[in-house]
C-alpha atoms as a PDB file:
ATOM      1  CA  MET A   1       2.468  16.060  33.229  1.00  0.00           C
ATOM      2  CA  GLU A   2       1.551  17.783  36.713  1.00  0.00           C
ATOM      3  CA  PHE A   3       0.699  16.410  40.254  1.00  0.00           C
ATOM      4  CA  SER A   4      -1.667  18.144  42.376  1.00  0.00           C
ATOM      5  CA  ASP A   5      -3.095  16.616  45.829  1.00  0.00           C
ATOM      6  CA  ARG A   6      -6.203  18.799  46.247  1.00  0.00           C
ATOM      7  CA  ALA A   7      -8.060  16.908  48.946  1.00  0.00           C
ATOM      8  CA  THR A   8      -7.846  16.745  52.403  1.00  0.00           C
ATOM      9  CA  ASN A   9      -7.906  13.829  54.772  1.00  0.00           C
ATOM     10  CA  SER A  10     -11.816  14.213  55.408  1.00  0.00           C
ATOM     11  CA  ASP A  11     -12.317  14.453  51.756  1.00  0.00           C
ATOM     12  CA  ARG A  12     -10.403  11.155  50.497  1.00  0.00           C
ATOM     13  CA  ALA A  13     -12.222   8.199  49.286  1.00  0.00           C
ATOM     14  CA  GLU A  14     -12.231   4.629  48.956  1.00  0.00           C
ATOM     15  CA  PRO A  15      -9.243   3.673  46.652  1.00  0.00           C
ATOM     16  CA  ILE A  16      -9.886   2.987  43.020  1.00  0.00           C
ATOM     17  CA  GLY A  17      -9.262  -0.067  42.229  1.00  0.00           C
ATOM     18  CA  ALA A  18      -7.167   0.612  38.650  1.00  0.00           C
ATOM     19  CA  VAL A  19      -3.830   1.760  37.481  1.00  0.00           C
ATOM     20  CA  MET A  20      -2.237   3.740  35.004  1.00  0.00           C
ATOM     21  CA  VAL A  21       0.698   2.850  33.559  1.00  0.00           C
ATOM     22  CA  VAL A  22       3.010   5.647  31.431  1.00  0.00           C
ATOM     23  CA  GLY A  23       5.008   4.089  28.952  1.00  0.00           C
ATOM     24  CA  GLY A  24       4.237   1.400  26.734  1.00  0.00           C
ATOM     25  CA  GLY A  25       7.765  -0.004  26.556  1.00  0.00           C
ATOM     26  CA  ILE A  26       8.949  -3.630  27.807  1.00  0.00           C
ATOM     27  CA  GLY A  27       8.838  -2.477  31.452  1.00  0.00           C
ATOM     28  CA  GLY A  28       5.705  -1.102  31.093  1.00  0.00           C
ATOM     29  CA  MET A  29       3.793  -4.093  29.204  1.00  0.00           C
ATOM     30  CA  GLN A  30       5.376  -6.267  31.840  1.00  0.00           C
ATOM     31  CA  ALA A  31       4.140  -3.942  34.594  1.00  0.00           C
ATOM     32  CA  SER A  32       0.676  -3.808  32.801  1.00  0.00           C
ATOM     33  CA  LEU A  33       0.485  -7.755  32.418  1.00  0.00           C
ATOM     34  CA  ASP A  34       1.431  -8.234  35.915  1.00  0.00           C
ATOM     35  CA  LEU A  35      -1.116  -5.987  37.506  1.00  0.00           C
ATOM     36  CA  ALA A  36      -3.669  -7.140  35.118  1.00  0.00           C
ATOM     37  CA  GLU A  37      -3.197 -10.870  35.889  1.00  0.00           C
ATOM     38  CA  SER A  38      -3.629  -9.742  39.315  1.00  0.00           C
ATOM     39  CA  GLY A  39      -7.107  -8.504  38.695  1.00  0.00           C
ATOM     40  CA  PHE A  40      -6.273  -4.876  38.002  1.00  0.00           C
ATOM     41  CA  TYR A  41      -7.645  -3.128  35.154  1.00  0.00           C
ATOM     42  CA  VAL A  42      -4.820  -1.218  33.655  1.00  0.00           C
ATOM     43  CA  TYR A  43      -4.864   1.925  31.187  1.00  0.00           C
ATOM     44  CA  LEU A  44      -1.404   1.732  29.347  1.00  0.00           C
ATOM     45  CA  VAL A  45      -0.351   5.013  28.090  1.00  0.00           C
ATOM     46  CA  ASP A  46       2.381   5.396  25.407  1.00  0.00           C
ATOM     47  CA  SER A  47       3.182   8.648  23.380  1.00  0.00           C
ATOM     48  CA  SER A  48       4.084   6.500  20.498  1.00  0.00           C
ATOM     49  CA  PRO A  49       1.642   5.240  17.816  1.00  0.00           C
ATOM     50  CA  THR A  50       2.272   1.767  19.102  1.00  0.00           C
ATOM     51  CA  ILE A  51       3.521   0.159  22.309  1.00  0.00           C
ATOM     52  CA  GLY A  52       7.107  -1.729  22.392  1.00  0.00           C
ATOM     53  CA  GLY A  53       9.312   1.023  22.731  1.00  0.00           C
ATOM     54  CA  VAL A  54      12.980   0.997  21.978  1.00  0.00           C
ATOM     55  CA  MET A  55      13.369  -2.577  22.313  1.00  0.00           C
ATOM     56  CA  SER A  56      11.455  -2.716  19.033  1.00  0.00           C
ATOM     57  CA  GLN A  57      13.992  -1.764  17.375  1.00  0.00           C
ATOM     58  CA  LEU A  58      16.667  -3.964  18.706  1.00  0.00           C
ATOM     59  CA  ASP A  59      17.814  -6.949  16.573  1.00  0.00           C
ATOM     60  CA  LYS A  60      19.306  -9.344  19.251  1.00  0.00           C
ATOM     61  CA  THR A  61      19.396  -9.095  23.194  1.00  0.00           C
ATOM     62  CA  PHE A  62      22.132 -10.003  25.952  1.00  0.00           C
ATOM     63  CA  PRO A  63      22.576 -12.413  27.485  1.00  0.00           C
ATOM     64  CA  THR A  64      21.187 -15.249  25.114  1.00  0.00           C
ATOM     65  CA  ASN A  65      21.397 -13.189  21.737  1.00  0.00           C
ATOM     66  CA  ASP A  66      17.569 -14.149  21.283  1.00  0.00           C
ATOM     67  CA  CYS A  67      15.884 -12.322  18.682  1.00  0.00           C
ATOM     68  CA  ALA A  68      14.608  -9.080  20.432  1.00  0.00           C
ATOM     69  CA  MET A  69      11.327  -9.024  18.833  1.00  0.00           C
ATOM     70  CA  CYS A  70      10.313 -13.031  19.512  1.00  0.00           C
ATOM     71  CA  ILE A  71      11.004 -12.042  23.258  1.00  0.00           C
ATOM     72  CA  MET A  72       8.878  -8.978  23.210  1.00  0.00           C
ATOM     73  CA  SER A  73       6.385 -10.292  20.842  1.00  0.00           C
ATOM     74  CA  PRO A  74       3.983 -12.387  23.244  1.00  0.00           C
ATOM     75  CA  LYS A  75       3.842  -9.363  25.437  1.00  0.00           C
ATOM     76  CA  LEU A  76       2.733  -7.394  22.535  1.00  0.00           C
ATOM     77  CA  VAL A  77      -0.132  -9.683  21.958  1.00  0.00           C
ATOM     78  CA  ASP A  78      -1.129 -10.149  25.259  1.00  0.00           C
ATOM     79  CA  SER A  79      -1.168  -6.298  26.425  1.00  0.00           C
ATOM     80  CA  GLY A  80      -3.221  -5.888  23.583  1.00  0.00           C
ATOM     81  CA  ARG A  81      -5.887  -8.817  24.020  1.00  0.00           C
ATOM     82  CA  HIS A  82      -5.685  -9.011  27.473  1.00  0.00           C
ATOM     83  CA  ARG A  83      -9.381  -8.073  28.957  1.00  0.00           C
ATOM     84  CA  ASN A  84      -8.118  -5.844  31.961  1.00  0.00           C
ATOM     85  CA  ILE A  85      -5.593  -3.598  29.886  1.00  0.00           C
ATOM     86  CA  ARG A  86      -6.877  -0.703  27.823  1.00  0.00           C
ATOM     87  CA  VAL A  87      -4.273   0.375  25.353  1.00  0.00           C
ATOM     88  CA  ILE A  88      -3.876   4.110  24.954  1.00  0.00           C
ATOM     89  CA  THR A  89      -1.467   5.005  22.337  1.00  0.00           C
ATOM     90  CA  ASN A  90      -0.642   8.340  20.404  1.00  0.00           C
ATOM     91  CA  ALA A  91      -1.455  10.215  23.708  1.00  0.00           C
ATOM     92  CA  GLU A  92       0.157  12.302  26.427  1.00  0.00           C
ATOM     93  CA  VAL A  93      -0.586  12.815  30.155  1.00  0.00           C
ATOM     94  CA  LYS A  94      -1.687  16.488  30.472  1.00  0.00           C
ATOM     95  CA  GLU A  95      -1.868  16.333  34.502  1.00  0.00           C
ATOM     96  CA  ILE A  96      -2.554  14.079  37.379  1.00  0.00           C
ATOM     97  CA  LEU A  97      -4.931  15.231  40.423  1.00  0.00           C
ATOM     98  CA  GLY A  98      -6.031  14.181  43.117  1.00  0.00           C
ATOM     99  CA  PRO A  99      -4.956  12.202  46.426  1.00  0.00           C
ATOM    100  CA  PRO A 100      -3.428   8.861  46.376  1.00  0.00           C
ATOM    101  CA  GLY A 101      -5.719   6.162  46.159  1.00  0.00           C
ATOM    102  CA  SER A 102      -7.979   8.512  44.060  1.00  0.00           C
ATOM    103  CA  PHE A 103      -6.383  10.125  41.089  1.00  0.00           C
ATOM    104  CA  GLU A 104      -8.007  11.767  38.047  1.00  0.00           C
ATOM    105  CA  ALA A 105      -5.504  11.767  34.856  1.00  0.00           C
ATOM    106  CA  THR A 106      -6.230  13.874  31.751  1.00  0.00           C
ATOM    107  CA  ILE A 107      -5.204  12.423  28.626  1.00  0.00           C
ATOM    108  CA  ILE A 108      -4.628  14.113  25.463  1.00  0.00           C
ATOM    109  CA  ARG A 109      -4.971  11.872  22.358  1.00  0.00           C
ATOM    110  CA  ARG A 110      -3.424  13.027  19.179  1.00  0.00           C
ATOM    111  CA  PRO A 111      -5.305  12.082  15.911  1.00  0.00           C
ATOM    112  CA  ARG A 112      -4.394   9.396  14.006  1.00  0.00           C
ATOM    113  CA  TYR A 113      -6.378  10.230  10.950  1.00  0.00           C
ATOM    114  CA  ILE A 114      -7.354   6.409  10.895  1.00  0.00           C
ATOM    115  CA  ARG A 115     -10.322   5.106  13.006  1.00  0.00           C
ATOM    116  CA  ALA A 116      -8.947   2.413  14.922  1.00  0.00           C
ATOM    117  CA  ASP A 117     -12.768   0.851  15.313  1.00  0.00           C
ATOM    118  CA  LYS A 118     -12.622   0.486  11.542  1.00  0.00           C
ATOM    119  CA  CYS A 119      -8.924  -0.363  10.426  1.00  0.00           C
ATOM    120  CA  THR A 120      -8.345  -3.670   9.860  1.00  0.00           C
ATOM    121  CA  GLY A 121      -4.678  -3.290   9.145  1.00  0.00           C
ATOM    122  CA  CYS A 122      -4.387  -4.647   5.838  1.00  0.00           C
ATOM    123  CA  GLY A 123      -2.133  -2.100   4.630  1.00  0.00           C
ATOM    124  CA  GLU A 124      -3.853  -1.245   1.348  1.00  0.00           C
ATOM    125  CA  CYS A 125      -3.352   2.647   2.248  1.00  0.00           C
ATOM    126  CA  ALA A 126       0.399   2.458   2.207  1.00  0.00           C
ATOM    127  CA  LYS A 127       0.521   0.263  -0.737  1.00  0.00           C
ATOM    128  CA  HIS A 128      -1.155   3.165  -2.849  1.00  0.00           C
ATOM    129  CA  CYS A 129       0.100   6.081  -0.868  1.00  0.00           C
ATOM    130  CA  PRO A 130       2.073   8.007  -3.557  1.00  0.00           C
ATOM    131  CA  VAL A 131       4.249   9.610  -0.650  1.00  0.00           C
ATOM    132  CA  THR A 132       7.251   8.854   1.405  1.00  0.00           C
ATOM    133  CA  ALA A 133       8.657  10.386   4.573  1.00  0.00           C
ATOM    134  CA  ILE A 134      11.783   9.539   6.458  1.00  0.00           C
ATOM    135  CA  ASP A 135      11.337   6.441   8.635  1.00  0.00           C
ATOM    136  CA  SER A 136      12.165   7.338  12.118  1.00  0.00           C
ATOM    137  CA  TYR A 137      11.665   3.430  13.052  1.00  0.00           C
ATOM    138  CA  ASN A 138      15.217   2.690  10.924  1.00  0.00           C
ATOM    139  CA  GLU A 139      16.499   5.670  12.285  1.00  0.00           C
ATOM    140  CA  GLY A 140      16.048   7.957   9.081  1.00  0.00           C
ATOM    141  CA  MET A 141      18.072   4.986   6.879  1.00  0.00           C
ATOM    142  CA  SER A 142      15.030   4.361   4.863  1.00  0.00           C
ATOM    143  CA  ARG A 143      11.848   5.891   3.727  1.00  0.00           C
ATOM    144  CA  ARG A 144       7.822   4.726   4.339  1.00  0.00           C
ATOM    145  CA  ALA A 145       4.411   5.870   3.045  1.00  0.00           C
ATOM    146  CA  ALA A 146       3.116   9.075   4.371  1.00  0.00           C
ATOM    147  CA  VAL A 147       0.391   6.481   5.856  1.00  0.00           C
ATOM    148  CA  TYR A 148       2.164   3.820   7.725  1.00  0.00           C
ATOM    149  CA  LEU A 149       2.436   1.122  10.479  1.00  0.00           C
ATOM    150  CA  ARG A 150       5.721   1.652  12.635  1.00  0.00           C
ATOM    151  CA  TYR A 151       6.661  -1.621  12.274  1.00  0.00           C
ATOM    152  CA  PRO A 152       5.255  -5.413  11.318  1.00  0.00           C
ATOM    153  CA  GLN A 153       4.143  -6.407  14.750  1.00  0.00           C
ATOM    154  CA  ALA A 154       3.055  -3.040  15.788  1.00  0.00           C
ATOM    155  CA  ILE A 155       0.176  -3.141  18.549  1.00  0.00           C
ATOM    156  CA  PRO A 156      -2.589  -1.461  17.770  1.00  0.00           C
ATOM    157  CA  LYS A 157      -2.175  -2.821  14.139  1.00  0.00           C
ATOM    158  CA  VAL A 158      -3.989   0.363  13.038  1.00  0.00           C
ATOM    159  CA  PHE A 159      -2.349   2.757  10.857  1.00  0.00           C
ATOM    160  CA  LEU A 160      -1.987   6.343  10.943  1.00  0.00           C
ATOM    161  CA  ILE A 161      -1.396   9.131   8.575  1.00  0.00           C
ATOM    162  CA  ASP A 162       1.488  11.526   8.703  1.00  0.00           C
ATOM    163  CA  ARG A 163       0.027  14.836   7.985  1.00  0.00           C
ATOM    164  CA  GLU A 164       3.146  16.721   7.506  1.00  0.00           C
ATOM    165  CA  ALA A 165       3.705  14.106   4.604  1.00  0.00           C
ATOM    166  CA  CYS A 166       0.397  13.874   3.069  1.00  0.00           C
ATOM    167  CA  ILE A 167      -0.193  15.784   0.561  1.00  0.00           C
ATOM    168  CA  GLY A 168      -4.096  14.911   0.863  1.00  0.00           C
ATOM    169  CA  CYS A 169      -4.901  13.360  -2.385  1.00  0.00           C
ATOM    170  CA  GLY A 170      -7.363  11.051  -1.217  1.00  0.00           C
ATOM    171  CA  LEU A 171      -6.095   8.238  -2.626  1.00  0.00           C
ATOM    172  CA  CYS A 172      -5.777   5.967   0.550  1.00  0.00           C
ATOM    173  CA  GLU A 173      -9.204   7.018   1.622  1.00  0.00           C
ATOM    174  CA  ARG A 174     -10.582   5.676  -1.553  1.00  0.00           C
ATOM    175  CA  VAL A 175      -8.564   2.607  -1.492  1.00  0.00           C
ATOM    176  CA  CYS A 176      -9.788   1.499   2.140  1.00  0.00           C
ATOM    177  CA  LEU A 177     -12.769  -0.683   1.469  1.00  0.00           C
ATOM    178  CA  ALA A 178     -13.450  -0.513   5.628  1.00  0.00           C
ATOM    179  CA  GLY A 179     -13.676   3.166   5.343  1.00  0.00           C
ATOM    180  CA  ALA A 180     -11.077   4.110   8.110  1.00  0.00           C
ATOM    181  CA  VAL A 181      -9.926   6.974   6.858  1.00  0.00           C
ATOM    182  CA  ASP A 182     -10.948  10.296   8.543  1.00  0.00           C
ATOM    183  CA  TYR A 183      -8.997  13.275   7.522  1.00  0.00           C
ATOM    184  CA  GLY A 184     -11.571  15.426   9.782  1.00  0.00           C
ATOM    185  CA  ASP A 185      -9.981  13.916  13.092  1.00  0.00           C
ATOM    186  CA  ARG A 186      -8.972  16.038  15.850  1.00  0.00           C
ATOM    187  CA  GLU A 187      -6.911  16.237  19.210  1.00  0.00           C
ATOM    188  CA  SER A 188      -9.213  14.685  21.990  1.00  0.00           C
ATOM    189  CA  GLU A 189      -9.429  14.865  25.635  1.00  0.00           C
ATOM    190  CA  GLU A 190     -10.230  12.158  28.241  1.00  0.00           C
ATOM    191  CA  LYS A 191     -10.002  12.052  31.958  1.00  0.00           C
ATOM    192  CA  ILE A 192      -9.638   8.609  33.890  1.00  0.00           C
ATOM    193  CA  SER A 193      -9.724   7.662  37.453  1.00  0.00           C
ATOM    194  CA  VAL A 194      -6.945   5.668  38.786  1.00  0.00           C
ATOM    195  CA  GLY A 195      -5.623   4.478  42.188  1.00  0.00           C
ATOM    196  CA  SER A 196      -2.082   4.421  41.199  1.00  0.00           C
ATOM    197  CA  VAL A 197       0.095   5.376  38.773  1.00  0.00           C
ATOM    198  CA  ILE A 198       3.285   3.793  37.657  1.00  0.00           C
ATOM    199  CA  LEU A 199       5.686   5.585  35.350  1.00  0.00           C
ATOM    200  CA  ALA A 200       8.025   3.669  33.014  1.00  0.00           C
ATOM    201  CA  PRO A 201       8.837   6.285  30.424  1.00  0.00           C
ATOM    202  CA  GLY A 202      11.772   4.268  29.278  1.00  0.00           C
ATOM    203  CA  PHE A 203      15.017   6.456  27.968  1.00  0.00           C
ATOM    204  CA  GLU A 204      15.946   9.062  25.328  1.00  0.00           C
ATOM    205  CA  VAL A 205      18.808   8.115  23.034  1.00  0.00           C
ATOM    206  CA  PHE A 206      21.950  10.389  23.690  1.00  0.00           C
ATOM    207  CA  ASP A 207      22.613  12.672  20.625  1.00  0.00           C
ATOM    208  CA  ALA A 208      25.853  11.632  19.454  1.00  0.00           C
ATOM    209  CA  LYS A 209      26.512  15.293  17.728  1.00  0.00           C
ATOM    210  CA  ARG A 210      27.030  16.540  21.209  1.00  0.00           C
ATOM    211  CA  ARG A 211      30.102  14.608  21.322  1.00  0.00           C
ATOM    212  CA  PRO A 212      31.637  15.971  17.724  1.00  0.00           C
ATOM    213  CA  GLU A 213      35.272  14.750  18.181  1.00  0.00           C
ATOM    214  CA  PHE A 214      33.952  11.203  16.933  1.00  0.00           C
ATOM    215  CA  GLY A 215      32.280  12.625  13.610  1.00  0.00           C
ATOM    216  CA  TYR A 216      28.727  11.643  14.238  1.00  0.00           C
ATOM    217  CA  GLY A 217      26.764  13.389  11.419  1.00  0.00           C
ATOM    218  CA  VAL A 218      29.876  14.405   9.723  1.00  0.00           C
ATOM    219  CA  PHE A 219      31.474  10.961   8.494  1.00  0.00           C
ATOM    220  CA  PRO A 220      28.618   8.803   7.077  1.00  0.00           C
ATOM    221  CA  ASN A 221      30.141   5.697   8.344  1.00  0.00           C
ATOM    222  CA  VAL A 222      29.841   6.701  11.803  1.00  0.00           C
ATOM    223  CA  ILE A 223      26.656   5.345  13.613  1.00  0.00           C
ATOM    224  CA  THR A 224      24.985   5.002  16.624  1.00  0.00           C
ATOM    225  CA  SER A 225      24.460   1.685  18.284  1.00  0.00           C
ATOM    226  CA  ILE A 226      20.675   1.921  17.726  1.00  0.00           C
ATOM    227  CA  GLU A 227      21.442   2.424  13.515  1.00  0.00           C
ATOM    228  CA  LEU A 228      23.882  -0.331  13.856  1.00  0.00           C
ATOM    229  CA  GLU A 229      20.742  -2.583  15.432  1.00  0.00           C
ATOM    230  CA  ARG A 230      18.446  -1.397  12.369  1.00  0.00           C
ATOM    231  CA  ILE A 231      21.275  -2.259  10.084  1.00  0.00           C
ATOM    232  CA  LEU A 232      21.268  -5.776  11.414  1.00  0.00           C
ATOM    233  CA  SER A 233      17.855  -6.553  11.860  1.00  0.00           C
ATOM    234  CA  ALA A 234      16.008  -8.330   9.064  1.00  0.00           C
ATOM    235  CA  THR A 235      13.295  -5.673   9.048  1.00  0.00           C
ATOM    236  CA  GLY A 236      15.907  -2.943   8.607  1.00  0.00           C
ATOM    237  CA  PRO A 237      17.128  -1.055   6.019  1.00  0.00           C
ATOM    238  CA  HIS A 238      19.416  -3.558   4.560  1.00  0.00           C
ATOM    239  CA  ARG A 239      17.578  -6.573   5.407  1.00  0.00           C
ATOM    240  CA  SER A 240      20.253  -7.576   8.153  1.00  0.00           C
ATOM    241  CA  HIS A 241      22.965  -7.256   5.521  1.00  0.00           C
ATOM    242  CA  LEU A 242      26.175  -5.297   7.418  1.00  0.00           C
ATOM    243  CA  LEU A 243      26.680  -2.621   5.040  1.00  0.00           C
ATOM    244  CA  ARG A 244      28.175   0.745   5.313  1.00  0.00           C
ATOM    245  CA  PRO A 245      25.835   3.808   4.847  1.00  0.00           C
ATOM    246  CA  SER A 246      28.334   5.541   2.403  1.00  0.00           C
ATOM    247  CA  ASP A 247      28.288   3.359  -0.478  1.00  0.00           C
ATOM    248  CA  GLY A 248      26.702   0.119   0.687  1.00  0.00           C
ATOM    249  CA  ALA A 249      30.051  -1.573   0.804  1.00  0.00           C
ATOM    250  CA  ILE A 250      30.568  -4.508   3.506  1.00  0.00           C
ATOM    251  CA  PRO A 251      32.792  -3.022   5.870  1.00  0.00           C
ATOM    252  CA  GLU A 252      36.242  -4.769   6.205  1.00  0.00           C
ATOM    253  CA  ARG A 253      37.296  -3.040   9.745  1.00  0.00           C
ATOM    254  CA  ILE A 254      34.915  -1.791  12.298  1.00  0.00           C
ATOM    255  CA  ALA A 255      35.841   0.044  15.914  1.00  0.00           C
ATOM    256  CA  PHE A 256      33.373   0.086  18.632  1.00  0.00           C
ATOM    257  CA  ILE A 257      33.382   3.111  21.105  1.00  0.00           C
ATOM    258  CA  GLN A 258      31.369   2.451  24.064  1.00  0.00           C
ATOM    259  CA  CYS A 259      29.461   4.463  26.389  1.00  0.00           C
ATOM    260  CA  VAL A 260      29.670   7.869  24.864  1.00  0.00           C
ATOM    261  CA  GLY A 261      27.700  10.314  26.814  1.00  0.00           C
ATOM    262  CA  SER A 262      27.717   7.861  29.823  1.00  0.00           C
ATOM    263  CA  ARG A 263      29.327   9.362  33.187  1.00  0.00           C
ATOM    264  CA  ASP A 264      30.164  12.499  31.461  1.00  0.00           C
ATOM    265  CA  ALA A 265      29.242  15.694  33.493  1.00  0.00           C
ATOM    266  CA  LYS A 266      29.702  17.892  30.372  1.00  0.00           C
ATOM    267  CA  CYS A 267      27.124  16.243  28.811  1.00  0.00           C
ATOM    268  CA  GLY A 268      24.751  16.687  31.891  1.00  0.00           C
ATOM    269  CA  ASN A 269      25.057  12.862  32.406  1.00  0.00           C
ATOM    270  CA  ASP A 270      26.596  11.660  35.647  1.00  0.00           C
ATOM    271  CA  TYR A 271      25.373   8.597  35.633  1.00  0.00           C
ATOM    272  CA  CYS A 272      26.150   4.914  34.294  1.00  0.00           C
ATOM    273  CA  SER A 273      23.552   3.925  30.926  1.00  0.00           C
ATOM    274  CA  SER A 274      24.013   0.257  32.164  1.00  0.00           C
END
């Protein structure tokens, strides 16, 4: 993403009363809702097919131990329904040009192959899909159909087709009564005008294989904290049952190694992850 100020002081126009929020996690959603309630029009842009970010994968949250999705679901729904918020998913910001208060942002939208204006979210396409692929939402510990919704509460509730897994059989198109399947969907570019930009990109999960002494990727029962969250979740691969990945047995002893990769100059992370 590139920023550029190509205007002089004499060229500056009146500020634009719209805001682009880049990142649809819990922080981006809250920022969007606060702005929308204050009267600003918000473009909420996220690279994922749905908003929610990493919090959508968590089972419980500190310090109340409440269900993460129970806390987040109202914000998901409010963000999707608010008249002052336009949710743009499966998209990237290519560049931002112009002076402060009068930006022009170029957004690249990747194809979903399912039309958002027609999809009803019924799920018939996924029920009939004969192909499965690794489910990244469950951190690779389960499989989902080639046409899928990232998670049950997803906003927008619009399915998409994984063309790398899809075999092009056409079955999903035949069973879709809404006629939402569009194999000819293509990448598109859109320009929007905003007065301000808020960056809420979230974070990347540390690749535990960069610390091989702990055995991640070698021993199947060495897992990351995000993988543990999915195992404990009611929507996870084991439906909240704590089972060992290697054999499906209940573990008798568990050891936690905290903060792997944090404040670690060898990994390029000189900061604390908290």
